[in-house]
């Protein structure tokens, strides 16, 4: 803390240091939050594209007939209703 000419402490320098530190912390937290959001969106887009590629078009009877295995039925159910896990 720097003293002024009248002997009264000048808090401005300490306040400025704390303000700068606080601003840097807020900026870095905001940047991390933005990166995490972008990463989550990329993962979701990739996962959605991957699942969409696996799910057959059920607009015709032949495709519906081909959904016979338990695995196919499970994948379709997860695609339609969501799941608590990350598909591979």
PDB file of N, CA and C in Angstrom:
ATOM      1  N   UNK A   1       0.849  -1.171   0.000  1.00  0.00           N
ATOM      2  CA  UNK A   1       0.000   0.000   0.000  1.00  0.00           C
ATOM      3  C   UNK A   1       0.896   1.235   0.000  1.00  0.00           C
ATOM      4  N   UNK A   2       0.596   2.164  -0.854  1.00  0.00           N
ATOM      5  CA  UNK A   2       1.381   3.388  -0.985  1.00  0.00           C
ATOM      6  C   UNK A   2       0.708   4.487  -0.175  1.00  0.00           C
ATOM      7  N   UNK A   3       1.524   5.266   0.538  1.00  0.00           N
ATOM      8  CA  UNK A   3       0.967   6.355   1.348  1.00  0.00           C
ATOM      9  C   UNK A   3       0.940   7.630   0.536  1.00  0.00           C
ATOM     10  N   UNK A   4      -0.082   8.406   0.774  1.00  0.00           N
ATOM     11  CA  UNK A   4      -0.167   9.700   0.105  1.00  0.00           C
ATOM     12  C   UNK A   4       0.664  10.712   0.888  1.00  0.00           C
ATOM     13  N   UNK A   5       0.746  11.919   0.374  1.00  0.00           N
ATOM     14  CA  UNK A   5       1.549  12.963   1.004  1.00  0.00           C
ATOM     15  C   UNK A   5       1.018  13.337   2.383  1.00  0.00           C
ATOM     16  N   UNK A   6      -0.267  13.206   2.649  1.00  0.00           N
ATOM     17  CA  UNK A   6      -0.837  13.571   3.941  1.00  0.00           C
ATOM     18  C   UNK A   6      -0.707  12.436   4.952  1.00  0.00           C
ATOM     19  N   UNK A   7      -0.107  11.331   4.605  1.00  0.00           N
ATOM     20  CA  UNK A   7       0.047  10.222   5.532  1.00  0.00           C
ATOM     21  C   UNK A   7      -1.155   9.291   5.568  1.00  0.00           C
ATOM     22  N   UNK A   8      -2.120   9.528   4.696  1.00  0.00           N
ATOM     23  CA  UNK A   8      -3.294   8.647   4.621  1.00  0.00           C
ATOM     24  C   UNK A   8      -2.984   7.551   3.604  1.00  0.00           C
ATOM     25  N   UNK A   9      -3.233   6.314   3.978  1.00  0.00           N
ATOM     26  CA  UNK A   9      -2.939   5.234   3.031  1.00  0.00           C
ATOM     27  C   UNK A   9      -3.750   5.378   1.745  1.00  0.00           C
ATOM     28  N   UNK A  10      -3.113   5.079   0.638  1.00  0.00           N
ATOM     29  CA  UNK A  10      -3.768   5.142  -0.668  1.00  0.00           C
ATOM     30  C   UNK A  10      -4.111   3.714  -1.099  1.00  0.00           C
ATOM     31  N   UNK A  11      -5.362   3.328  -0.983  1.00  0.00           N
ATOM     32  CA  UNK A  11      -5.739   1.952  -1.292  1.00  0.00           C
ATOM     33  C   UNK A  11      -5.851   1.669  -2.785  1.00  0.00           C
ATOM     34  N   UNK A  12      -5.708   2.707  -3.596  1.00  0.00           N
ATOM     35  CA  UNK A  12      -5.988   2.526  -5.019  1.00  0.00           C
ATOM     36  C   UNK A  12      -5.071   1.493  -5.671  1.00  0.00           C
ATOM     37  N   UNK A  13      -3.799   1.438  -5.273  1.00  0.00           N
ATOM     38  CA  UNK A  13      -2.897   0.483  -5.919  1.00  0.00           C
ATOM     39  C   UNK A  13      -3.264  -0.953  -5.553  1.00  0.00           C
ATOM     40  N   UNK A  14      -3.582  -1.209  -4.278  1.00  0.00           N
ATOM     41  CA  UNK A  14      -3.999  -2.555  -3.874  1.00  0.00           C
ATOM     42  C   UNK A  14      -5.332  -2.921  -4.518  1.00  0.00           C
ATOM     43  N   UNK A  15      -6.240  -1.960  -4.556  1.00  0.00           N
ATOM     44  CA  UNK A  15      -7.540  -2.218  -5.174  1.00  0.00           C
ATOM     45  C   UNK A  15      -7.380  -2.558  -6.651  1.00  0.00           C
ATOM     46  N   UNK A  16      -6.470  -1.849  -7.303  1.00  0.00           N
ATOM     47  CA  UNK A  16      -6.239  -2.091  -8.724  1.00  0.00           C
ATOM     48  C   UNK A  16      -5.682  -3.492  -8.956  1.00  0.00           C
ATOM     49  N   UNK A  17      -4.750  -3.906  -8.112  1.00  0.00           N
ATOM     50  CA  UNK A  17      -4.179  -5.250  -8.224  1.00  0.00           C
ATOM     51  C   UNK A  17      -5.274  -6.297  -8.033  1.00  0.00           C
ATOM     52  N   UNK A  18      -6.099  -6.127  -7.003  1.00  0.00           N
ATOM     53  CA  UNK A  18      -7.185  -7.078  -6.753  1.00  0.00           C
ATOM     54  C   UNK A  18      -8.206  -7.076  -7.884  1.00  0.00           C
ATOM     55  N   UNK A  19      -8.500  -5.887  -8.406  1.00  0.00           N
ATOM     56  CA  UNK A  19      -9.446  -5.795  -9.514  1.00  0.00           C
ATOM     57  C   UNK A  19      -8.910  -6.519 -10.740  1.00  0.00           C
ATOM     58  N   UNK A  20      -7.632  -6.293 -11.053  1.00  0.00           N
ATOM     59  CA  UNK A  20      -7.026  -6.956 -12.214  1.00  0.00           C
ATOM     60  C   UNK A  20      -7.023  -8.469 -12.043  1.00  0.00           C
ATOM     61  N   UNK A  21      -6.675  -8.924 -10.851  1.00  0.00           N
ATOM     62  CA  UNK A  21      -6.655 -10.361 -10.577  1.00  0.00           C
ATOM     63  C   UNK A  21      -8.059 -10.950 -10.719  1.00  0.00           C
ATOM     64  N   UNK A  22      -9.034 -10.251 -10.174  1.00  0.00           N
ATOM     65  CA  UNK A  22     -10.420 -10.706 -10.264  1.00  0.00           C
ATOM     66  C   UNK A  22     -10.892 -10.737 -11.718  1.00  0.00           C
ATOM     67  N   UNK A  23     -10.529  -9.728 -12.485  1.00  0.00           N
ATOM     68  CA  UNK A  23     -10.926  -9.672 -13.894  1.00  0.00           C
ATOM     69  C   UNK A  23     -10.306 -10.813 -14.685  1.00  0.00           C
ATOM     70  N   UNK A  24      -9.031 -11.088 -14.430  1.00  0.00           N
ATOM     71  CA  UNK A  24      -8.356 -12.184 -15.129  1.00  0.00           C
ATOM     72  C   UNK A  24      -9.003 -13.518 -14.789  1.00  0.00           C
ATOM     73  N   UNK A  25      -9.346 -13.699 -13.521  1.00  0.00           N
ATOM     74  CA  UNK A  25      -9.983 -14.950 -13.094  1.00  0.00           C
ATOM     75  C   UNK A  25     -11.330 -15.116 -13.770  1.00  0.00           C
ATOM     76  N   UNK A  26     -12.119 -14.042 -13.798  1.00  0.00           N
ATOM     77  CA  UNK A  26     -13.436 -14.114 -14.448  1.00  0.00           C
ATOM     78  C   UNK A  26     -13.294 -14.412 -15.934  1.00  0.00           C
ATOM     79  N   UNK A  27     -12.314 -13.767 -16.586  1.00  0.00           N
ATOM     80  CA  UNK A  27     -12.113 -14.002 -18.017  1.00  0.00           C
ATOM     81  C   UNK A  27     -11.717 -15.443 -18.281  1.00  0.00           C
ATOM     82  N   UNK A  28     -10.806 -15.991 -17.456  1.00  0.00           N
ATOM     83  CA  UNK A  28     -10.366 -17.364 -17.688  1.00  0.00           C
ATOM     84  C   UNK A  28     -11.494 -18.352 -17.394  1.00  0.00           C
ATOM     85  N   UNK A  29     -12.324 -18.071 -16.385  1.00  0.00           N
ATOM     86  CA  UNK A  29     -13.466 -18.949 -16.097  1.00  0.00           C
ATOM     87  C   UNK A  29     -14.465 -18.911 -17.249  1.00  0.00           C
ATOM     88  N   UNK A  30     -14.707 -17.721 -17.785  1.00  0.00           N
ATOM     89  CA  UNK A  30     -15.633 -17.586 -18.910  1.00  0.00           C
ATOM     90  C   UNK A  30     -15.092 -18.318 -20.128  1.00  0.00           C
ATOM     91  N   UNK A  31     -13.802 -18.179 -20.386  1.00  0.00           N
ATOM     92  CA  UNK A  31     -13.197 -18.862 -21.532  1.00  0.00           C
ATOM     93  C   UNK A  31     -13.290 -20.372 -21.372  1.00  0.00           C
ATOM     94  N   UNK A  32     -13.010 -20.874 -20.161  1.00  0.00           N
ATOM     95  CA  UNK A  32     -13.114 -22.324 -19.925  1.00  0.00           C
ATOM     96  C   UNK A  32     -14.546 -22.801 -20.121  1.00  0.00           C
ATOM     97  N   UNK A  33     -15.495 -22.023 -19.630  1.00  0.00           N
ATOM     98  CA  UNK A  33     -16.913 -22.391 -19.764  1.00  0.00           C
ATOM     99  C   UNK A  33     -17.307 -22.430 -21.242  1.00  0.00           C
ATOM    100  N   UNK A  34     -16.840 -21.454 -22.027  1.00  0.00           N
ATOM    101  CA  UNK A  34     -17.160 -21.420 -23.456  1.00  0.00           C
ATOM    102  C   UNK A  34     -16.537 -22.611 -24.177  1.00  0.00           C
ATOM    103  N   UNK A  35     -15.292 -22.944 -23.828  1.00  0.00           N
ATOM    104  CA  UNK A  35     -14.644 -24.100 -24.451  1.00  0.00           C
ATOM    105  C   UNK A  35     -15.371 -25.388 -24.103  1.00  0.00           C
ATOM    106  N   UNK A  36     -15.797 -25.525 -22.862  1.00  0.00           N
ATOM    107  CA  UNK A  36     -16.523 -26.727 -22.443  1.00  0.00           C
ATOM    108  C   UNK A  36     -17.847 -26.835 -23.195  1.00  0.00           C
ATOM    109  N   UNK A  37     -18.522 -25.710 -23.376  1.00  0.00           N
ATOM    110  CA  UNK A  37     -19.792 -25.714 -24.106  1.00  0.00           C
ATOM    111  C   UNK A  37     -19.569 -26.103 -25.560  1.00  0.00           C
ATOM    112  N   UNK A  38     -18.533 -25.544 -26.185  1.00  0.00           N
ATOM    113  CA  UNK A  38     -18.229 -25.881 -27.575  1.00  0.00           C
ATOM    114  C   UNK A  38     -17.875 -27.352 -27.709  1.00  0.00           C
ATOM    115  N   UNK A  39     -17.103 -27.863 -26.768  1.00  0.00           N
ATOM    116  CA  UNK A  39     -16.720 -29.269 -26.793  1.00  0.00           C
ATOM    117  C   UNK A  39     -17.945 -30.165 -26.650  1.00  0.00           C
ATOM    118  N   UNK A  40     -18.836 -29.811 -25.747  1.00  0.00           N
ATOM    119  CA  UNK A  40     -20.057 -30.604 -25.547  1.00  0.00           C
ATOM    120  C   UNK A  40     -20.917 -30.596 -26.807  1.00  0.00           C
ATOM    121  N   UNK A  41     -21.001 -29.454 -27.463  1.00  0.00           N
ATOM    122  CA  UNK A  41     -21.789 -29.380 -28.706  1.00  0.00           C
ATOM    123  C   UNK A  41     -21.170 -30.238 -29.802  1.00  0.00           C
ATOM    124  N   UNK A  42     -19.833 -30.208 -29.907  1.00  0.00           N
ATOM    125  CA  UNK A  42     -19.156 -31.044 -30.912  1.00  0.00           C
ATOM    126  C   UNK A  42     -19.401 -32.516 -30.642  1.00  0.00           C
ATOM    127  N   UNK A  43     -19.292 -32.920 -29.362  1.00  0.00           N
ATOM    128  CA  UNK A  43     -19.519 -34.321 -29.007  1.00  0.00           C
ATOM    129  C   UNK A  43     -20.946 -34.731 -29.324  1.00  0.00           C
ATOM    130  N   UNK A  44     -21.898 -33.868 -29.020  1.00  0.00           N
ATOM    131  CA  UNK A  44     -23.295 -34.182 -29.290  1.00  0.00           C
ATOM    132  C   UNK A  44     -23.539 -34.309 -30.793  1.00  0.00           C
ATOM    133  N   UNK A  45     -22.968 -33.396 -31.569  1.00  0.00           N
ATOM    134  CA  UNK A  45     -23.143 -33.456 -33.024  1.00  0.00           C
ATOM    135  C   UNK A  45     -22.530 -34.733 -33.588  1.00  0.00           C
ATOM    136  N   UNK A  46     -21.345 -35.092 -33.105  1.00  0.00           N
ATOM    137  CA  UNK A  46     -20.690 -36.314 -33.570  1.00  0.00           C
ATOM    138  C   UNK A  46     -21.503 -37.533 -33.188  1.00  0.00           C
ATOM    139  N   UNK A  47     -21.961 -37.576 -31.949  1.00  0.00           N
ATOM    140  CA  UNK A  47     -22.745 -38.711 -31.471  1.00  0.00           C
ATOM    141  C   UNK A  47     -24.044 -38.820 -32.258  1.00  0.00           C
ATOM    142  N   UNK A  48     -24.707 -37.692 -32.504  1.00  0.00           N
ATOM    143  CA  UNK A  48     -25.967 -37.709 -33.242  1.00  0.00           C
ATOM    144  C   UNK A  48     -25.754 -38.213 -34.663  1.00  0.00           C
ATOM    145  N   UNK A  49     -24.692 -37.747 -35.305  1.00  0.00           N
ATOM    146  CA  UNK A  49     -24.407 -38.191 -36.670  1.00  0.00           C
ATOM    147  C   UNK A  49     -24.115 -39.684 -36.696  1.00  0.00           C
ATOM    148  N   UNK A  50     -23.375 -40.146 -35.709  1.00  0.00           N
ATOM    149  CA  UNK A  50     -23.029 -41.568 -35.651  1.00  0.00           C
ATOM    150  C   UNK A  50     -24.282 -42.415 -35.459  1.00  0.00           C
ATOM    151  N   UNK A  51     -25.161 -41.981 -34.569  1.00  0.00           N
ATOM    152  CA  UNK A  51     -26.391 -42.751 -34.327  1.00  0.00           C
ATOM    153  C   UNK A  51     -27.336 -42.661 -35.503  1.00  0.00           C
ATOM    154  N   UNK A  52     -27.426 -41.513 -36.132  1.00  0.00           N
ATOM    155  CA  UNK A  52     -28.311 -41.366 -37.284  1.00  0.00           C
ATOM    156  C   UNK A  52     -27.872 -42.298 -38.403  1.00  0.00           C
ATOM    157  N   UNK A  53     -26.567 -42.454 -38.566  1.00  0.00           N
ATOM    158  CA  UNK A  53     -26.061 -43.347 -39.605  1.00  0.00           C
ATOM    159  C   UNK A  53     -26.425 -44.797 -39.307  1.00  0.00           C
ATOM    160  N   UNK A  54     -26.562 -45.162 -38.040  1.00  0.00           N
ATOM    161  CA  UNK A  54     -26.869 -46.540 -37.668  1.00  0.00           C
ATOM    162  C   UNK A  54     -28.348 -46.875 -37.746  1.00  0.00           C
ATOM    163  N   UNK A  55     -29.199 -45.886 -37.615  1.00  0.00           N
ATOM    164  CA  UNK A  55     -30.633 -46.150 -37.524  1.00  0.00           C
ATOM    165  C   UNK A  55     -31.229 -46.214 -38.926  1.00  0.00           C
ATOM    166  N   UNK A  56     -31.900 -47.308 -39.244  1.00  0.00           N
ATOM    167  CA  UNK A  56     -32.454 -47.454 -40.595  1.00  0.00           C
ATOM    168  C   UNK A  56     -33.664 -46.551 -40.812  1.00  0.00           C
ATOM    169  N   UNK A  57     -33.919 -46.267 -42.054  1.00  0.00           N
ATOM    170  CA  UNK A  57     -35.116 -45.524 -42.427  1.00  0.00           C
ATOM    171  C   UNK A  57     -36.302 -46.484 -42.344  1.00  0.00           C
ATOM    172  N   UNK A  58     -37.241 -46.195 -41.471  1.00  0.00           N
ATOM    173  CA  UNK A  58     -38.367 -47.107 -41.257  1.00  0.00           C
ATOM    174  C   UNK A  58     -39.589 -46.721 -42.088  1.00  0.00           C
ATOM    175  N   UNK A  59     -39.364 -46.000 -43.172  1.00  0.00           N
ATOM    176  CA  UNK A  59     -40.499 -45.541 -43.971  1.00  0.00           C
ATOM    177  C   UNK A  59     -41.060 -46.630 -44.882  1.00  0.00           C
ATOM    178  N   UNK A  60     -40.348 -47.752 -45.025  1.00  0.00           N
ATOM    179  CA  UNK A  60     -40.916 -48.821 -45.855  1.00  0.00           C
ATOM    180  C   UNK A  60     -40.941 -50.144 -45.086  1.00  0.00           C
ATOM    181  N   UNK A  61     -41.751 -51.060 -45.538  1.00  0.00           N
ATOM    182  CA  UNK A  61     -41.964 -52.322 -44.833  1.00  0.00           C
ATOM    183  C   UNK A  61     -40.701 -53.168 -44.776  1.00  0.00           C
ATOM    184  N   UNK A  62     -39.898 -53.169 -45.835  1.00  0.00           N
ATOM    185  CA  UNK A  62     -38.680 -53.984 -45.855  1.00  0.00           C
ATOM    186  C   UNK A  62     -37.742 -53.569 -44.736  1.00  0.00           C
ATOM    187  N   UNK A  63     -37.573 -52.268 -44.552  1.00  0.00           N
ATOM    188  CA  UNK A  63     -36.698 -51.787 -43.484  1.00  0.00           C
ATOM    189  C   UNK A  63     -37.254 -52.194 -42.125  1.00  0.00           C
ATOM    190  N   UNK A  64     -38.563 -52.092 -41.955  1.00  0.00           N
ATOM    191  CA  UNK A  64     -39.168 -52.494 -40.682  1.00  0.00           C
ATOM    192  C   UNK A  64     -38.977 -53.986 -40.436  1.00  0.00           C
ATOM    193  N   UNK A  65     -39.077 -54.782 -41.481  1.00  0.00           N
ATOM    194  CA  UNK A  65     -38.879 -56.229 -41.347  1.00  0.00           C
ATOM    195  C   UNK A  65     -37.443 -56.566 -40.957  1.00  0.00           C
ATOM    196  N   UNK A  66     -36.503 -55.720 -41.363  1.00  0.00           N
ATOM    197  CA  UNK A  66     -35.089 -55.987 -41.081  1.00  0.00           C
ATOM    198  C   UNK A  66     -34.700 -55.653 -39.644  1.00  0.00           C
ATOM    199  N   UNK A  67     -35.566 -54.986 -38.906  1.00  0.00           N
ATOM    200  CA  UNK A  67     -35.284 -54.689 -37.499  1.00  0.00           C
ATOM    201  C   UNK A  67     -35.727 -55.904 -36.695  1.00  0.00           C
ATOM    202  N   UNK A  68     -34.914 -56.921 -36.750  1.00  0.00           N
ATOM    203  CA  UNK A  68     -35.331 -58.167 -36.111  1.00  0.00           C
ATOM    204  C   UNK A  68     -34.468 -58.540 -34.919  1.00  0.00           C
ATOM    205  N   UNK A  69     -33.197 -58.202 -34.964  1.00  0.00           N
ATOM    206  CA  UNK A  69     -32.323 -58.624 -33.867  1.00  0.00           C
ATOM    207  C   UNK A  69     -32.547 -57.740 -32.640  1.00  0.00           C
ATOM    208  N   UNK A  70     -32.258 -58.297 -31.481  1.00  0.00           N
ATOM    209  CA  UNK A  70     -32.388 -57.539 -30.230  1.00  0.00           C
ATOM    210  C   UNK A  70     -31.460 -56.330 -30.241  1.00  0.00           C
ATOM    211  N   UNK A  71     -30.265 -56.508 -30.805  1.00  0.00           N
ATOM    212  CA  UNK A  71     -29.303 -55.408 -30.849  1.00  0.00           C
ATOM    213  C   UNK A  71     -29.857 -54.246 -31.672  1.00  0.00           C
ATOM    214  N   UNK A  72     -30.432 -54.565 -32.835  1.00  0.00           N
ATOM    215  CA  UNK A  72     -31.006 -53.512 -33.676  1.00  0.00           C
ATOM    216  C   UNK A  72     -32.166 -52.823 -32.968  1.00  0.00           C
ATOM    217  N   UNK A  73     -32.991 -53.615 -32.307  1.00  0.00           N
ATOM    218  CA  UNK A  73     -34.126 -53.037 -31.594  1.00  0.00           C
ATOM    219  C   UNK A  73     -33.645 -52.128 -30.466  1.00  0.00           C
ATOM    220  N   UNK A  74     -32.606 -52.577 -29.762  1.00  0.00           N
ATOM    221  CA  UNK A  74     -32.059 -51.787 -28.662  1.00  0.00           C
ATOM    222  C   UNK A  74     -31.476 -50.473 -29.183  1.00  0.00           C
ATOM    223  N   UNK A  75     -30.695 -50.552 -30.257  1.00  0.00           N
ATOM    224  CA  UNK A  75     -30.094 -49.339 -30.822  1.00  0.00           C
ATOM    225  C   UNK A  75     -31.170 -48.360 -31.279  1.00  0.00           C
ATOM    226  N   UNK A  76     -32.228 -48.893 -31.876  1.00  0.00           N
ATOM    227  CA  UNK A  76     -33.308 -48.026 -32.319  1.00  0.00           C
ATOM    228  C   UNK A  76     -33.999 -47.364 -31.123  1.00  0.00           C
ATOM    229  N   UNK A  77     -34.250 -48.136 -30.076  1.00  0.00           N
ATOM    230  CA  UNK A  77     -34.897 -47.583 -28.881  1.00  0.00           C
ATOM    231  C   UNK A  77     -34.040 -46.493 -28.249  1.00  0.00           C
ATOM    232  N   UNK A  78     -32.739 -46.729 -28.165  1.00  0.00           N
ATOM    233  CA  UNK A  78     -31.842 -45.719 -27.582  1.00  0.00           C
ATOM    234  C   UNK A  78     -31.832 -44.469 -28.448  1.00  0.00           C
ATOM    235  N   UNK A  79     -31.826 -44.657 -29.758  1.00  0.00           N
ATOM    236  CA  UNK A  79     -31.831 -43.501 -30.657  1.00  0.00           C
ATOM    237  C   UNK A  79     -33.112 -42.678 -30.486  1.00  0.00           C
ATOM    238  N   UNK A  80     -34.236 -43.371 -30.393  1.00  0.00           N
ATOM    239  CA  UNK A  80     -35.515 -42.664 -30.313  1.00  0.00           C
ATOM    240  C   UNK A  80     -35.763 -42.029 -28.951  1.00  0.00           C
ATOM    241  N   UNK A  81     -35.358 -42.709 -27.886  1.00  0.00           N
ATOM    242  CA  UNK A  81     -35.712 -42.258 -26.544  1.00  0.00           C
ATOM    243  C   UNK A  81     -34.534 -41.760 -25.729  1.00  0.00           C
ATOM    244  N   UNK A  82     -33.337 -41.852 -26.257  1.00  0.00           N
ATOM    245  CA  UNK A  82     -32.154 -41.390 -25.539  1.00  0.00           C
ATOM    246  C   UNK A  82     -31.655 -42.439 -24.576  1.00  0.00           C
ATOM    247  N   UNK A  83     -30.454 -42.246 -24.111  1.00  0.00           N
ATOM    248  CA  UNK A  83     -29.867 -43.193 -23.177  1.00  0.00           C
ATOM    249  C   UNK A  83     -28.896 -42.504 -22.253  1.00  0.00           C
ATOM    250  N   UNK A  84     -28.638 -43.088 -21.089  1.00  0.00           N
ATOM    251  CA  UNK A  84     -27.762 -42.456 -20.101  1.00  0.00           C
ATOM    252  C   UNK A  84     -26.289 -42.743 -20.336  1.00  0.00           C
ATOM    253  N   UNK A  85     -25.933 -43.283 -21.478  1.00  0.00           N
ATOM    254  CA  UNK A  85     -24.546 -43.655 -21.711  1.00  0.00           C
ATOM    255  C   UNK A  85     -24.080 -43.099 -23.045  1.00  0.00           C
ATOM    256  N   UNK A  86     -22.786 -43.167 -23.257  1.00  0.00           N
ATOM    257  CA  UNK A  86     -22.181 -42.668 -24.481  1.00  0.00           C
ATOM    258  C   UNK A  86     -22.026 -43.838 -25.447  1.00  0.00           C
ATOM    259  N   UNK A  87     -22.780 -43.887 -26.532  1.00  0.00           N
ATOM    260  CA  UNK A  87     -22.673 -45.017 -27.457  1.00  0.00           C
ATOM    261  C   UNK A  87     -21.327 -45.030 -28.170  1.00  0.00           C
ATOM    262  N   UNK A  88     -20.861 -46.194 -28.506  1.00  0.00           N
ATOM    263  CA  UNK A  88     -19.571 -46.307 -29.211  1.00  0.00           C
ATOM    264  C   UNK A  88     -19.784 -46.779 -30.617  1.00  0.00           C
TER     265      UNK A  88
END
